[in-house]
Structures are given as C-alpha cells and as structure tokens.
Amino acid sequence: SNATPDGQLVPSVEFLRITAGLNDYRYLLTLGRLAKEKPGTPAAQAAEQLIARRMAAFHLGDRVRSFKPEEWRALRQEVGRAIEAFQ
C-alpha cells in the first residue's frame, strides 16, 4: 500500500490497475504514431479504425463504464497485431 497526499491508503491492487491502463494508453499512442508515419497504407487505415472504435466507447464524464477483462485482453491482442502490421 501507499498513501495519497491527504494520508488515505492506496492499495497495491489499484497501482496494478493504473499500470495496466497506462500500458493500454501507451500502446494506442504507439499505434496512432505508426499510423501517422505511414498514412494511407492499409495498416494505417486499420489502426485508425481500431482507435476510433475504442475511443467511441468512452464518453466524457463517464467514469462507470467498465469493460470486461476479456474485452481488454481482446483489445490488447488486436492492438498488438495492428502494431506488428507496420513491421
């Protein structure tokens, strides 16, 4: 556990969730960067569609939308394949 600035304890499990979310964000940023480096290619078009589809699932201020673990696993695999398509 760790503590917030106001002294509240933050369980280690919360850090694991934050880390997973940051990694997902980094993978999507990497995919977006690759798409911009090779615009118009089939890999870039697929990447842009994947990113747009995932971002459309989020709504401003919606903090209760939760995806099932299998949805995140599937997304991570899809993003990984999309990144590999640029190689």
C-alpha atoms as a PDB file:
ATOM      1  CA  SER A   1       0.000   0.000   0.000  1.00  0.00           C
ATOM      2  CA  ASN A   2       0.902   3.620  -0.444  1.00  0.00           C
ATOM      3  CA  ALA A   3      -0.666   6.853   0.730  1.00  0.00           C
ATOM      4  CA  THR A   4      -2.195   9.822  -1.060  1.00  0.00           C
ATOM      5  CA  PRO A   5      -1.112  13.361  -0.130  1.00  0.00           C
ATOM      6  CA  ASP A   6      -4.040  13.552   2.306  1.00  0.00           C
ATOM      7  CA  GLY A   7      -2.972  10.329   4.051  1.00  0.00           C
ATOM      8  CA  GLN A   8      -5.509   7.931   2.532  1.00  0.00           C
ATOM      9  CA  LEU A   9      -4.131   4.481   1.819  1.00  0.00           C
ATOM     10  CA  VAL A  10      -3.978   3.346  -1.804  1.00  0.00           C
ATOM     11  CA  PRO A  11      -3.915  -0.442  -2.149  1.00  0.00           C
ATOM     12  CA  SER A  12      -1.264  -2.020  -4.364  1.00  0.00           C
ATOM     13  CA  VAL A  13      -4.041  -3.526  -6.492  1.00  0.00           C
ATOM     14  CA  GLU A  14      -5.008  -0.008  -7.536  1.00  0.00           C
ATOM     15  CA  PHE A  15      -1.473   0.589  -8.780  1.00  0.00           C
ATOM     16  CA  LEU A  16      -1.724  -2.575 -10.889  1.00  0.00           C
ATOM     17  CA  ARG A  17      -4.929  -1.258 -12.466  1.00  0.00           C
ATOM     18  CA  ILE A  18      -3.348   2.120 -13.140  1.00  0.00           C
ATOM     19  CA  THR A  19      -0.299   0.440 -14.687  1.00  0.00           C
ATOM     20  CA  ALA A  20      -2.475  -1.677 -16.985  1.00  0.00           C
ATOM     21  CA  GLY A  21      -4.377   1.412 -18.077  1.00  0.00           C
ATOM     22  CA  LEU A  22      -1.188   3.356 -18.742  1.00  0.00           C
ATOM     23  CA  ASN A  23       0.190   0.486 -20.802  1.00  0.00           C
ATOM     24  CA  ASP A  24      -3.022   0.319 -22.841  1.00  0.00           C
ATOM     25  CA  TYR A  25      -2.792   4.064 -23.438  1.00  0.00           C
ATOM     26  CA  ARG A  26       0.869   3.797 -24.492  1.00  0.00           C
ATOM     27  CA  TYR A  27       0.073   1.001 -26.957  1.00  0.00           C
ATOM     28  CA  LEU A  28      -2.726   3.058 -28.500  1.00  0.00           C
ATOM     29  CA  LEU A  29      -0.398   6.080 -28.723  1.00  0.00           C
ATOM     30  CA  THR A  30       2.230   3.915 -30.421  1.00  0.00           C
ATOM     31  CA  LEU A  31      -0.357   2.633 -32.868  1.00  0.00           C
ATOM     32  CA  GLY A  32      -1.522   6.179 -33.606  1.00  0.00           C
ATOM     33  CA  ARG A  33       2.057   7.343 -34.166  1.00  0.00           C
ATOM     34  CA  LEU A  34       2.732   4.485 -36.577  1.00  0.00           C
ATOM     35  CA  ALA A  35      -0.462   5.297 -38.494  1.00  0.00           C
ATOM     36  CA  LYS A  36       0.652   8.927 -38.869  1.00  0.00           C
ATOM     37  CA  GLU A  37       4.090   7.857 -40.084  1.00  0.00           C
ATOM     38  CA  LYS A  38       2.576   5.731 -42.885  1.00  0.00           C
ATOM     39  CA  PRO A  39      -0.675   7.479 -43.830  1.00  0.00           C
ATOM     40  CA  GLY A  40      -2.926   5.881 -46.400  1.00  0.00           C
ATOM     41  CA  THR A  41      -1.482   2.402 -46.007  1.00  0.00           C
ATOM     42  CA  PRO A  42      -3.811  -0.498 -45.192  1.00  0.00           C
ATOM     43  CA  ALA A  43      -2.111  -0.846 -41.787  1.00  0.00           C
ATOM     44  CA  ALA A  44      -2.687   2.858 -41.032  1.00  0.00           C
ATOM     45  CA  GLN A  45      -6.319   2.705 -42.098  1.00  0.00           C
ATOM     46  CA  ALA A  46      -6.939  -0.363 -39.919  1.00  0.00           C
ATOM     47  CA  ALA A  47      -5.143   1.304 -36.997  1.00  0.00           C
ATOM     48  CA  GLU A  48      -7.206   4.471 -37.294  1.00  0.00           C
ATOM     49  CA  GLN A  49     -10.431   2.445 -37.368  1.00  0.00           C
ATOM     50  CA  LEU A  50      -9.375   0.440 -34.308  1.00  0.00           C
ATOM     51  CA  ILE A  51      -8.504   3.593 -32.352  1.00  0.00           C
ATOM     52  CA  ALA A  52     -11.710   5.362 -33.391  1.00  0.00           C
ATOM     53  CA  ARG A  53     -13.820   2.349 -32.426  1.00  0.00           C
ATOM     54  CA  ARG A  54     -12.267   2.127 -28.964  1.00  0.00           C
ATOM     55  CA  MET A  55     -12.427   5.864 -28.328  1.00  0.00           C
ATOM     56  CA  ALA A  56     -16.102   5.925 -29.366  1.00  0.00           C
ATOM     57  CA  ALA A  57     -16.811   3.562 -26.463  1.00  0.00           C
ATOM     58  CA  PHE A  58     -15.804   6.264 -23.964  1.00  0.00           C
ATOM     59  CA  HIS A  59     -17.913   9.290 -23.143  1.00  0.00           C
ATOM     60  CA  LEU A  60     -16.819  12.493 -21.433  1.00  0.00           C
ATOM     61  CA  GLY A  61     -17.532  12.267 -17.715  1.00  0.00           C
ATOM     62  CA  ASP A  62     -18.433   8.573 -17.878  1.00  0.00           C
ATOM     63  CA  ARG A  63     -16.485   7.045 -15.032  1.00  0.00           C
ATOM     64  CA  VAL A  64     -18.614   3.967 -14.524  1.00  0.00           C
ATOM     65  CA  ARG A  65     -18.219   2.351 -17.948  1.00  0.00           C
ATOM     66  CA  SER A  66     -16.288  -0.793 -17.310  1.00  0.00           C
ATOM     67  CA  PHE A  67     -15.078  -3.255 -19.857  1.00  0.00           C
ATOM     68  CA  LYS A  68     -14.903  -6.933 -19.065  1.00  0.00           C
ATOM     69  CA  PRO A  69     -11.412  -8.413 -18.626  1.00  0.00           C
ATOM     70  CA  GLU A  70     -11.845 -10.469 -21.784  1.00  0.00           C
ATOM     71  CA  GLU A  71     -12.660  -7.276 -23.709  1.00  0.00           C
ATOM     72  CA  TRP A  72      -9.365  -5.738 -22.586  1.00  0.00           C
ATOM     73  CA  ARG A  73      -7.447  -8.917 -23.455  1.00  0.00           C
ATOM     74  CA  ALA A  74      -9.013  -8.940 -26.923  1.00  0.00           C
ATOM     75  CA  LEU A  75      -8.203  -5.244 -27.402  1.00  0.00           C
ATOM     76  CA  ARG A  76      -4.580  -5.765 -26.341  1.00  0.00           C
ATOM     77  CA  GLN A  77      -4.221  -8.621 -28.818  1.00  0.00           C
ATOM     78  CA  GLU A  78      -5.834  -6.568 -31.584  1.00  0.00           C
ATOM     79  CA  VAL A  79      -3.594  -3.569 -30.886  1.00  0.00           C
ATOM     80  CA  GLY A  80      -0.538  -5.825 -30.796  1.00  0.00           C
ATOM     81  CA  ARG A  81      -1.419  -7.318 -34.184  1.00  0.00           C
ATOM     82  CA  ALA A  82      -2.059  -3.832 -35.575  1.00  0.00           C
ATOM     83  CA  ILE A  83       1.358  -2.644 -34.381  1.00  0.00           C
ATOM     84  CA  GLU A  84       3.008  -5.729 -35.890  1.00  0.00           C
ATOM     85  CA  ALA A  85       1.306  -4.967 -39.232  1.00  0.00           C
ATOM     86  CA  PHE A  86       3.625  -1.952 -39.574  1.00  0.00           C
ATOM     87  CA  GLN A  87       6.758  -4.121 -39.436  1.00  0.00           C
END
